[in-house]
Amino acid sequence: MFIDEAEIYVKAGDGGDGAVMFRRESRVPRGGPSGGDGGDGGDVIIRARPGLDTLIDFRGHHHWYAEDGEKGQKKDMAGAGGDDLIVDVPPGTLIYDKDRGVLLKDLKDEWAKVVVARGGKGGRGNGRFATATNQTPRFAELGGRGEERHLRLELKLIADVGLAGLPNAGKSTLLARLSAARPKIANYPFTTLHPSLGIVEAGEERRFVMADLPGLIEGAHKGVGLGDEFLRHVERTRILVHLVEVQPHGHASPAEAYRAIRHELAAYSKELAAKHEIAVLTKADLVPGDDSVRQEFAKAVGKPVIAISSATGVGLVRLVKAILDKLDELAAEEAAKVAGSPFAPPAPQAAAGAEPAVPEAATAAAAAGRPAARAAGDARRRRVPASRKRRRTPAKKAGPTKKARPAAGKAKPKAKKRRTAKKARPAAKKPSRKSRNP
C-alpha cells in the first residue's frame, strides 16, 4: 500500500536525576559527598534511507519515544545516557512541525538526517555542590525534560521523468514496458490510484527513474476525480512526459486533450507547468501507417511529437533517446550555472602560445621505447631519500697550524708540587695565677 502522508508524535528522552550519596568506607572518616551526575536523554533523529518509497510504517505507529538517561550512581559515577531513536523515512520526505506549520527539513538526499527532538540534560549530583561552607550537601539536581513535537510527514517521490496525462492514456503500460515495474493495468479509468516508480535501463551505464501518476481530468485542481494531490510527486522530476491518446476519450482531438492537462498543471503550480516537456502520442497501433494525426497534433501544439505504441514497441527507442538527450542537456545547463557562479573554483589556464608540459618520464620512455607508467616507476625507485644522502662538509679554511697533540697512551707527565716545611706556630702562653685570680 502506498502512503505519502503521516502524522506522528515524537518525544526525546528525559535526563537522569543526580544522586545524593556519601562515601562510606572503613578507615575513611567523613568521606564527603560522592553522588554522580545523571545521564543525558536520547535524541529523536529522522533519517532518509534508500530503498523505501512509502510511509506505510507510520500507519499504525504514531508515537515514537527515545530512551531516558539513567540516574547518577555512588562513588561519583554518572548514569548511562539514553540511546538515540533513529526513524527511517524514504528519500524526498518533507518534515513539518504540525503546531507551528514550519518546514523543518527536506530530506531529498539519501542518508540525510535531522534531529527533530533533543534529549534532556542529566542532573548534577550532590558532589558538584560541595563548597567550603557547605561540605555535606544533601540535595541534587533533577534531570531536564526531553523535547516533544507533533510532526507531519509528506513524501515527494524523486524521479527523473514523470508521466502525466488523462486516464487510460497508456502511462502504466509504458512504465511496465520500459522497466521491471508492474503497476496495475486495466481497461477502465483511474486504474492507477497511487504513484509507481520504475528504473529504465538504457544501455550498460545509463539509467533513469520514471514515475507513473494517476490520471488527471478537467477540474482536478478543484477536487474532481482523484484531484491533483498526486502532482506534488512530479514537482521533483526533471522532465515531464505528456502522454495523449490518438483517440482521446471525451475530447474531440489530441490537441484539445493536451491543452486540458496543461491547464490543470498551470492551475496547480507555475513551476510545474514550466518544466521541460516531451509530447508523446500513444496507441499509434490503432492507426497503422497513418502519420497525419501526429503531424496535425505537432502543428497544433507547436512542438515535436513522438508517436509510440507500448503494445508493439513502435517508437520506444526514439522516446528513450529523446529522454536521455534532454537529461544530458539539463545536466550541461546545471554545470554551466555552477561554473558561472562566483563561488566556483577558477579553472587553470595555460599561458598563450605555451605548449602543454610533457613529463620527463614520458619523454625518456618514448626515447627508450618503454611505457610511460613503467618509466615513472623506475624514476621513483631510483630516487634516494634525503635521509640516506651523504652530507658534504664544507672545506676548512687555511689558518695557523696548531701543535700536534700527543698520541694516545703517551700522556704528558704532570709536574710534581714541591713540599715546603710549614713554619711552627709559637706556643700559647699559659696565664699566671695572678691573672686568673686578680
Protein backbone atom coordinates (compact mmCIF):
# COMPACT_ATOMS: atom_id res chain seq x y z
CA MET A 1 0.00 0.00 0.00
CA PHE A 2 1.26 3.46 -0.91
CA ILE A 3 1.01 6.17 1.77
CA ASP A 4 2.59 9.58 1.22
CA GLU A 5 1.31 11.47 4.30
CA ALA A 6 1.56 10.71 8.01
CA GLU A 7 1.32 12.47 11.37
CA ILE A 8 3.42 11.30 14.29
CA TYR A 9 4.32 12.34 17.85
CA VAL A 10 7.97 12.20 18.91
CA LYS A 11 9.36 12.51 22.45
CA ALA A 12 13.05 12.72 23.29
CA GLY A 13 14.43 11.03 26.39
CA ASP A 14 14.47 12.79 29.76
CA GLY A 15 17.76 13.37 31.55
CA GLY A 16 18.56 11.25 34.61
CA ASP A 17 18.42 12.80 38.08
CA GLY A 18 21.60 13.49 40.04
CA ALA A 19 22.33 11.23 43.03
CA VAL A 20 22.62 12.16 46.73
CA MET A 21 25.31 9.81 48.05
CA PHE A 22 28.08 9.90 50.68
CA ARG A 23 31.31 7.98 50.79
CA ARG A 24 31.10 5.19 53.40
CA GLU A 25 34.34 3.24 53.67
CA SER A 26 36.38 1.85 56.50
CA ARG A 27 39.27 4.00 57.73
CA VAL A 28 37.89 6.96 55.75
CA PRO A 29 36.07 9.12 58.25
CA ARG A 30 33.91 11.89 56.85
CA GLY A 31 34.26 10.72 53.26
CA GLY A 32 32.13 13.53 51.97
CA PRO A 33 29.53 13.66 49.16
CA SER A 34 30.01 11.24 46.24
CA GLY A 35 26.76 11.42 44.22
CA GLY A 36 27.24 11.19 40.43
CA ASP A 37 25.51 13.07 37.61
CA GLY A 38 22.55 11.70 35.70
CA GLY A 39 22.84 10.58 32.06
CA ASP A 40 21.59 12.62 29.12
CA GLY A 41 18.39 11.57 27.36
CA GLY A 42 18.44 10.23 23.80
CA ASP A 43 17.58 12.31 20.73
CA VAL A 44 14.97 11.55 18.07
CA ILE A 45 16.61 11.53 14.62
CA ILE A 46 14.79 11.15 11.29
CA ARG A 47 16.95 9.69 8.51
CA ALA A 48 16.36 9.25 4.76
CA ARG A 49 17.07 5.62 3.98
CA PRO A 50 17.37 4.49 0.34
CA GLY A 51 15.12 1.62 -0.68
CA LEU A 52 11.98 2.97 0.97
CA ASP A 53 9.22 4.52 -1.15
CA THR A 54 6.23 4.78 1.19
CA LEU A 55 5.28 5.96 4.69
CA ILE A 56 3.32 2.81 5.50
CA ASP A 57 5.46 2.18 8.60
CA PHE A 58 3.73 5.14 10.28
CA ARG A 59 0.18 3.97 9.61
CA GLY A 60 -0.26 2.15 12.93
CA HIS A 61 2.74 3.55 14.78
CA HIS A 62 2.10 7.19 15.69
CA HIS A 63 4.13 7.59 18.91
CA TRP A 64 7.92 7.41 18.95
CA TYR A 65 9.94 7.68 22.18
CA ALA A 66 13.68 7.87 22.75
CA GLU A 67 15.35 6.27 25.78
CA ASP A 68 15.70 8.19 29.06
CA GLY A 69 19.02 8.72 30.81
CA GLU A 70 19.77 6.75 33.98
CA LYS A 71 20.16 8.24 37.44
CA GLY A 72 23.53 9.07 38.95
CA GLN A 73 25.40 6.43 40.95
CA LYS A 74 27.58 6.36 44.05
CA LYS A 75 31.34 6.97 44.04
CA ASP A 76 30.85 9.94 41.67
CA MET A 77 29.75 7.61 38.85
CA ALA A 78 27.49 9.17 36.19
CA GLY A 79 24.43 7.39 34.90
CA ALA A 80 24.34 5.94 31.40
CA GLY A 81 23.00 8.13 28.62
CA GLY A 82 19.87 7.11 26.72
CA ASP A 83 20.19 5.69 23.19
CA ASP A 84 19.11 7.85 20.25
CA LEU A 85 16.00 6.84 18.34
CA ILE A 86 16.55 6.77 14.55
CA VAL A 87 13.38 6.84 12.44
CA ASP A 88 13.88 5.87 8.77
CA VAL A 89 11.82 7.53 6.04
CA PRO A 90 12.03 7.44 2.22
CA PRO A 91 14.27 9.99 0.47
CA GLY A 92 12.22 13.01 -0.55
CA THR A 93 10.27 13.27 2.72
CA LEU A 94 9.38 16.74 3.99
CA ILE A 95 9.16 17.16 7.78
CA TYR A 96 6.78 19.82 9.10
CA ASP A 97 6.12 20.99 12.65
CA LYS A 98 2.38 20.45 12.86
CA ASP A 99 1.74 23.01 15.60
CA ARG A 100 3.75 25.81 14.00
CA GLY A 101 3.30 24.88 10.36
CA VAL A 102 7.06 25.29 9.70
CA LEU A 103 9.14 23.12 7.38
CA LEU A 104 11.92 21.63 9.50
CA LYS A 105 13.86 19.69 6.86
CA ASP A 106 13.60 18.40 3.30
CA LEU A 107 15.33 15.01 3.23
CA LYS A 108 15.88 14.89 -0.53
CA ASP A 109 19.36 13.33 -0.29
CA GLU A 110 19.99 9.71 0.65
CA TRP A 111 21.16 9.13 4.23
CA ALA A 112 20.44 12.75 5.14
CA LYS A 113 19.23 13.15 8.74
CA VAL A 114 17.92 15.77 11.13
CA VAL A 115 17.42 15.91 14.91
CA VAL A 116 13.74 16.73 15.47
CA ALA A 117 13.76 16.42 19.28
CA ARG A 118 16.76 16.77 21.58
CA GLY A 119 17.11 14.84 24.81
CA GLY A 120 17.21 16.45 28.24
CA LYS A 121 20.45 17.08 30.11
CA GLY A 122 21.30 14.94 33.10
CA GLY A 123 21.09 16.49 36.57
CA ARG A 124 24.16 17.13 38.71
CA GLY A 125 24.86 15.03 41.80
CA ASN A 126 25.50 16.39 45.29
CA GLY A 127 29.24 16.00 44.76
CA ARG A 128 29.08 19.02 42.43
CA PHE A 129 27.60 21.27 45.11
CA ALA A 130 30.22 20.75 47.86
CA THR A 131 31.79 24.05 48.97
CA ALA A 132 33.86 25.27 51.88
CA THR A 133 30.76 26.48 53.68
CA ASN A 134 28.54 23.54 52.73
CA GLN A 135 30.72 20.44 52.78
CA THR A 136 27.87 17.91 53.00
CA PRO A 137 25.12 18.99 50.57
CA ARG A 138 22.06 16.79 50.86
CA PHE A 139 20.43 17.76 47.59
CA ALA A 140 20.96 17.10 43.85
CA GLU A 141 19.70 18.44 40.55
CA LEU A 142 16.79 16.91 38.61
CA GLY A 143 17.26 15.86 35.01
CA GLY A 144 15.91 18.04 32.19
CA ARG A 145 12.88 17.02 30.15
CA GLY A 146 13.31 15.99 26.55
CA GLU A 147 11.67 17.86 23.70
CA GLU A 148 8.38 16.66 22.24
CA ARG A 149 6.77 17.53 18.94
CA HIS A 150 3.85 16.73 16.68
CA LEU A 151 5.17 16.23 13.16
CA ARG A 152 3.59 15.94 9.73
CA LEU A 153 5.45 13.89 7.14
CA GLU A 154 4.86 14.45 3.44
CA LEU A 155 6.50 12.33 0.76
CA LYS A 156 7.50 13.65 -2.65
CA LEU A 157 8.94 10.92 -4.81
CA ILE A 158 12.25 11.68 -6.51
CA ALA A 159 12.32 10.67 -10.17
CA ASP A 160 13.99 11.87 -13.36
CA VAL A 161 10.91 11.51 -15.57
CA GLY A 162 7.24 11.94 -14.67
CA LEU A 163 4.35 10.61 -16.77
CA ALA A 164 1.24 12.80 -16.99
CA GLY A 165 -1.96 12.55 -18.99
CA LEU A 166 -5.63 11.67 -19.00
CA PRO A 167 -6.88 8.37 -17.56
CA ASN A 168 -6.25 5.41 -19.88
CA ALA A 169 -3.60 7.32 -21.79
CA GLY A 170 -1.19 4.40 -21.53
CA LYS A 171 1.06 5.60 -18.69
CA SER A 172 1.13 2.37 -16.70
CA THR A 173 1.58 0.28 -19.85
CA LEU A 174 4.55 2.39 -20.91
CA LEU A 175 6.16 2.07 -17.46
CA ALA A 176 5.67 -1.70 -17.47
CA ARG A 177 7.15 -1.95 -20.99
CA LEU A 178 10.28 0.10 -20.27
CA SER A 179 11.05 -1.08 -16.71
CA ALA A 180 10.60 -4.02 -14.37
CA ALA A 181 7.76 -2.27 -12.51
CA ARG A 182 4.37 -3.96 -12.63
CA PRO A 183 1.66 -1.36 -12.00
CA LYS A 184 -1.99 -2.29 -12.22
CA ILE A 185 -3.29 -2.19 -15.83
CA ALA A 186 -6.97 -2.49 -16.75
CA ASN A 187 -9.41 -1.22 -19.38
CA TYR A 188 -11.22 1.34 -17.24
CA PRO A 189 -10.39 4.85 -15.99
CA PHE A 190 -8.46 5.58 -12.80
CA THR A 191 -6.76 2.20 -12.69
CA THR A 192 -3.70 3.83 -11.10
CA LEU A 193 -4.59 5.01 -7.61
CA HIS A 194 -1.08 5.80 -6.35
CA PRO A 195 2.27 6.68 -7.95
CA SER A 196 4.58 3.92 -9.13
CA LEU A 197 8.33 4.06 -9.73
CA GLY A 198 10.39 2.14 -12.25
CA ILE A 199 14.04 2.14 -13.32
CA VAL A 200 14.57 2.27 -17.09
CA GLU A 201 17.80 0.63 -18.25
CA ALA A 202 19.16 2.47 -21.30
CA GLY A 203 22.40 0.66 -22.03
CA GLU A 204 25.12 -0.68 -19.78
CA GLU A 205 25.85 2.58 -17.95
CA ARG A 206 22.71 4.69 -18.49
CA ARG A 207 19.53 4.51 -16.46
CA PHE A 208 16.86 6.84 -15.16
CA VAL A 209 13.88 6.68 -12.81
CA MET A 210 10.38 7.05 -14.23
CA ALA A 211 7.26 7.83 -12.15
CA ASP A 212 3.72 6.92 -13.17
CA LEU A 213 0.99 9.16 -11.71
CA PRO A 214 -2.79 8.77 -11.51
CA GLY A 215 -4.70 10.29 -14.40
CA LEU A 216 -5.89 13.88 -14.45
CA ILE A 217 -9.18 15.23 -15.78
CA GLU A 218 -10.65 18.67 -16.22
CA GLY A 219 -11.30 20.31 -12.85
CA ALA A 220 -8.76 18.17 -10.99
CA HIS A 221 -7.41 21.28 -9.21
CA LYS A 222 -10.91 21.71 -7.74
CA GLY A 223 -11.06 18.12 -6.48
CA VAL A 224 -12.75 16.48 -9.47
CA GLY A 225 -11.79 12.83 -9.91
CA LEU A 226 -8.78 11.89 -7.77
CA GLY A 227 -7.84 15.57 -7.51
CA ASP A 228 -4.36 16.95 -8.04
CA GLU A 229 -2.78 15.88 -4.73
CA PHE A 230 -0.51 13.43 -6.55
CA LEU A 231 1.01 16.20 -8.65
CA ARG A 232 3.42 17.03 -5.83
CA HIS A 233 5.35 13.91 -6.79
CA VAL A 234 6.03 15.45 -10.22
CA GLU A 235 7.49 18.62 -8.70
CA ARG A 236 10.83 16.87 -8.12
CA THR A 237 11.05 15.37 -11.61
CA ARG A 238 13.37 16.91 -14.16
CA ILE A 239 11.36 16.09 -17.30
CA LEU A 240 7.62 15.76 -17.83
CA VAL A 241 6.44 13.26 -20.48
CA HIS A 242 2.92 14.19 -21.56
CA LEU A 243 1.00 11.23 -22.99
CA VAL A 244 -2.00 11.81 -25.27
CA GLU A 245 -4.07 9.11 -26.98
CA VAL A 246 -4.63 9.01 -30.70
CA GLN A 247 -8.37 8.85 -29.97
CA PRO A 248 -8.82 10.53 -26.55
CA HIS A 249 -11.99 9.82 -24.58
CA GLY A 250 -14.20 12.86 -24.03
CA HIS A 251 -12.22 15.15 -26.30
CA ALA A 252 -12.51 15.93 -29.97
CA SER A 253 -8.79 15.80 -30.78
CA PRO A 254 -5.44 15.07 -29.16
CA ALA A 255 -4.62 18.79 -29.15
CA GLU A 256 -7.74 19.53 -27.07
CA ALA A 257 -6.84 16.82 -24.54
CA TYR A 258 -3.29 18.18 -24.38
CA ARG A 259 -4.48 21.72 -23.59
CA ALA A 260 -6.83 20.42 -20.86
CA ILE A 261 -3.96 18.75 -18.99
CA ARG A 262 -1.72 21.79 -19.47
CA HIS A 263 -4.41 23.94 -17.89
CA GLU A 264 -4.55 21.68 -14.84
CA LEU A 265 -0.77 21.74 -14.46
CA ALA A 266 -0.68 25.54 -14.60
CA ALA A 267 -3.54 25.78 -12.08
CA TYR A 268 -1.61 23.61 -9.63
CA SER A 269 1.84 25.24 -9.93
CA LYS A 270 3.52 27.61 -12.35
CA GLU A 271 6.87 25.92 -11.68
CA LEU A 272 5.37 22.57 -12.67
CA ALA A 273 3.94 23.99 -15.88
CA ALA A 274 7.35 25.48 -16.76
CA LYS A 275 9.17 22.13 -16.62
CA HIS A 276 10.74 20.65 -19.73
CA GLU A 277 8.20 18.52 -21.54
CA ILE A 278 8.16 15.84 -24.22
CA ALA A 279 4.85 15.37 -26.06
CA VAL A 280 4.03 11.75 -26.90
CA LEU A 281 1.17 10.35 -28.97
CA THR A 282 0.29 6.89 -27.63
CA LYS A 283 -1.56 3.90 -29.09
CA ALA A 284 -0.21 4.55 -32.58
CA ASP A 285 -1.03 0.94 -33.46
CA LEU A 286 -4.69 1.95 -33.77
CA VAL A 287 -3.88 3.92 -36.95
CA PRO A 288 -1.02 1.94 -38.52
CA GLY A 289 0.78 3.69 -41.35
CA ASP A 290 -1.16 6.96 -40.83
CA ASP A 291 1.13 9.80 -39.71
CA SER A 292 -1.36 12.57 -40.32
CA VAL A 293 -2.66 12.53 -36.73
CA ARG A 294 0.85 13.07 -35.35
CA GLN A 295 1.56 15.87 -37.82
CA GLU A 296 -1.68 17.69 -37.03
CA PHE A 297 -1.03 17.31 -33.31
CA ALA A 298 2.53 18.66 -33.61
CA LYS A 299 1.31 21.62 -35.65
CA ALA A 300 -1.41 22.43 -33.12
CA VAL A 301 0.85 22.38 -30.05
CA GLY A 302 3.87 23.91 -31.77
CA LYS A 303 6.44 21.32 -30.70
CA PRO A 304 7.76 17.98 -31.96
CA VAL A 305 5.65 14.93 -31.10
CA ILE A 306 6.81 11.31 -30.82
CA ALA A 307 4.33 8.58 -31.79
CA ILE A 308 4.68 5.31 -29.85
CA SER A 309 2.87 2.06 -29.23
CA SER A 310 3.57 0.26 -25.96
CA ALA A 311 1.83 -2.85 -27.26
CA THR A 312 4.01 -3.28 -30.37
CA GLY A 313 7.09 -1.34 -29.25
CA VAL A 314 6.96 1.19 -32.09
CA GLY A 315 8.78 4.45 -31.25
CA LEU A 316 10.00 3.37 -27.80
CA VAL A 317 13.67 3.52 -28.77
CA ARG A 318 13.19 7.04 -30.13
CA LEU A 319 11.38 8.08 -26.95
CA VAL A 320 14.15 6.76 -24.66
CA LYS A 321 16.78 8.52 -26.77
CA ALA A 322 14.86 11.81 -26.57
CA ILE A 323 14.64 11.47 -22.78
CA LEU A 324 18.38 10.81 -22.47
CA ASP A 325 19.23 13.77 -24.72
CA LYS A 326 17.01 16.03 -22.64
CA LEU A 327 18.60 14.81 -19.40
CA ASP A 328 22.08 15.45 -20.82
CA GLU A 329 21.01 18.93 -21.89
CA LEU A 330 19.73 19.74 -18.40
CA ALA A 331 22.93 18.37 -16.84
CA ALA A 332 25.01 20.63 -19.13
CA GLU A 333 22.90 23.66 -18.17
CA GLU A 334 23.33 22.92 -14.46
CA ALA A 335 27.11 22.52 -14.90
CA ALA A 336 27.28 25.85 -16.75
CA LYS A 337 25.39 27.57 -13.91
CA VAL A 338 27.78 26.14 -11.33
CA ALA A 339 30.81 27.18 -13.39
CA GLY A 340 29.45 30.73 -13.77
CA SER A 341 28.74 31.21 -10.06
CA PRO A 342 31.17 33.40 -8.07
CA PHE A 343 31.83 30.54 -5.63
CA ALA A 344 33.08 28.14 -8.32
CA PRO A 345 36.87 27.49 -8.25
CA PRO A 346 38.73 29.07 -11.22
CA ALA A 347 39.82 26.63 -13.90
CA PRO A 348 43.59 26.51 -14.58
CA GLN A 349 44.51 28.25 -17.82
CA ALA A 350 47.70 27.74 -19.81
CA ALA A 351 49.74 30.72 -20.99
CA ALA A 352 49.15 31.95 -24.55
CA GLY A 353 51.40 30.15 -27.01
CA ALA A 354 52.76 27.76 -24.41
CA GLU A 355 52.87 24.09 -25.23
CA PRO A 356 51.46 21.59 -22.78
CA ALA A 357 54.09 20.29 -20.41
CA VAL A 358 55.22 16.72 -21.02
CA PRO A 359 56.58 14.77 -18.04
CA GLU A 360 60.25 13.94 -18.22
CA ALA A 361 59.49 10.28 -17.50
CA ALA A 362 57.18 10.12 -20.53
CA THR A 363 59.83 11.73 -22.77
CA ALA A 364 62.51 9.30 -21.60
CA ALA A 365 60.14 6.39 -22.01
CA ALA A 366 59.34 7.40 -25.57
CA ALA A 367 63.05 7.58 -26.39
CA ALA A 368 63.74 4.18 -24.81
CA GLY A 369 60.61 2.56 -26.19
CA ARG A 370 59.09 1.84 -22.77
CA PRO A 371 55.62 2.68 -21.42
CA ALA A 372 55.38 5.99 -19.55
CA ALA A 373 53.93 4.30 -16.44
CA ARG A 374 56.90 1.91 -16.25
CA ALA A 375 59.40 4.75 -16.74
CA ALA A 376 57.74 6.74 -13.95
CA GLY A 377 58.01 3.74 -11.64
CA ASP A 378 61.71 3.36 -12.44
CA ALA A 379 62.27 7.03 -11.65
CA ARG A 380 60.56 6.62 -8.29
CA ARG A 381 62.67 3.58 -7.45
CA ARG A 382 65.91 5.39 -8.37
CA ARG A 383 65.06 8.32 -6.17
CA VAL A 384 67.18 8.30 -2.99
CA PRO A 385 65.52 9.60 0.17
CA ALA A 386 67.03 12.65 1.81
CA SER A 387 67.81 10.71 4.99
CA ARG A 388 70.20 8.39 3.10
CA LYS A 389 72.07 11.09 1.21
CA ARG A 390 75.59 11.87 2.43
CA ARG A 391 76.10 15.33 3.71
CA ARG A 392 79.13 17.10 2.32
CA THR A 393 81.12 19.03 4.91
CA PRO A 394 82.48 22.40 3.76
CA ALA A 395 86.25 22.66 3.24
CA LYS A 396 88.20 24.12 6.16
CA LYS A 397 89.88 27.46 5.70
CA ALA A 398 93.68 27.64 5.95
CA GLY A 399 94.87 29.11 9.25
CA PRO A 400 97.70 28.98 11.76
CA THR A 401 98.92 25.50 12.48
CA LYS A 402 98.38 24.04 15.89
CA LYS A 403 100.78 21.93 17.86
CA ALA A 404 100.26 18.26 17.40
CA ARG A 405 98.62 16.54 20.29
CA PRO A 406 100.47 13.65 21.88
CA ALA A 407 99.46 10.23 20.71
CA ALA A 408 97.01 8.22 22.70
CA GLY A 409 98.60 6.34 25.60
CA LYS A 410 101.57 8.76 25.99
CA ALA A 411 100.12 11.35 28.31
CA LYS A 412 102.41 14.19 29.38
CA PRO A 413 103.58 13.66 32.95
CA LYS A 414 102.29 16.19 35.39
CA ALA A 415 104.78 18.35 37.31
CA LYS A 416 105.11 17.40 40.96
CA LYS A 417 104.40 20.06 43.52
CA ARG A 418 107.18 20.88 45.87
CA ARG A 419 106.53 20.38 49.54
CA THR A 420 107.70 23.15 51.77
CA ALA A 421 108.11 22.90 55.50
CA LYS A 422 105.46 24.60 57.47
CA LYS A 423 106.54 27.22 59.95
CA ALA A 424 105.95 26.21 63.54
CA ARG A 425 103.44 28.32 65.34
CA PRO A 426 104.57 29.81 68.64
CA ALA A 427 103.07 28.07 71.65
CA ALA A 428 100.42 29.98 73.52
CA LYS A 429 101.46 31.24 76.95
CA LYS A 430 99.50 29.97 79.88
CA PRO A 431 98.06 32.72 82.04
CA SER A 432 99.61 33.03 85.51
CA ARG A 433 97.74 32.57 88.73
CA LYS A 434 97.73 36.29 89.32
CA SER A 435 95.96 36.90 86.08
CA ARG A 436 93.41 34.18 86.87
CA ASN A 437 92.59 35.49 90.37
CA PRO A 438 93.13 39.15 90.42
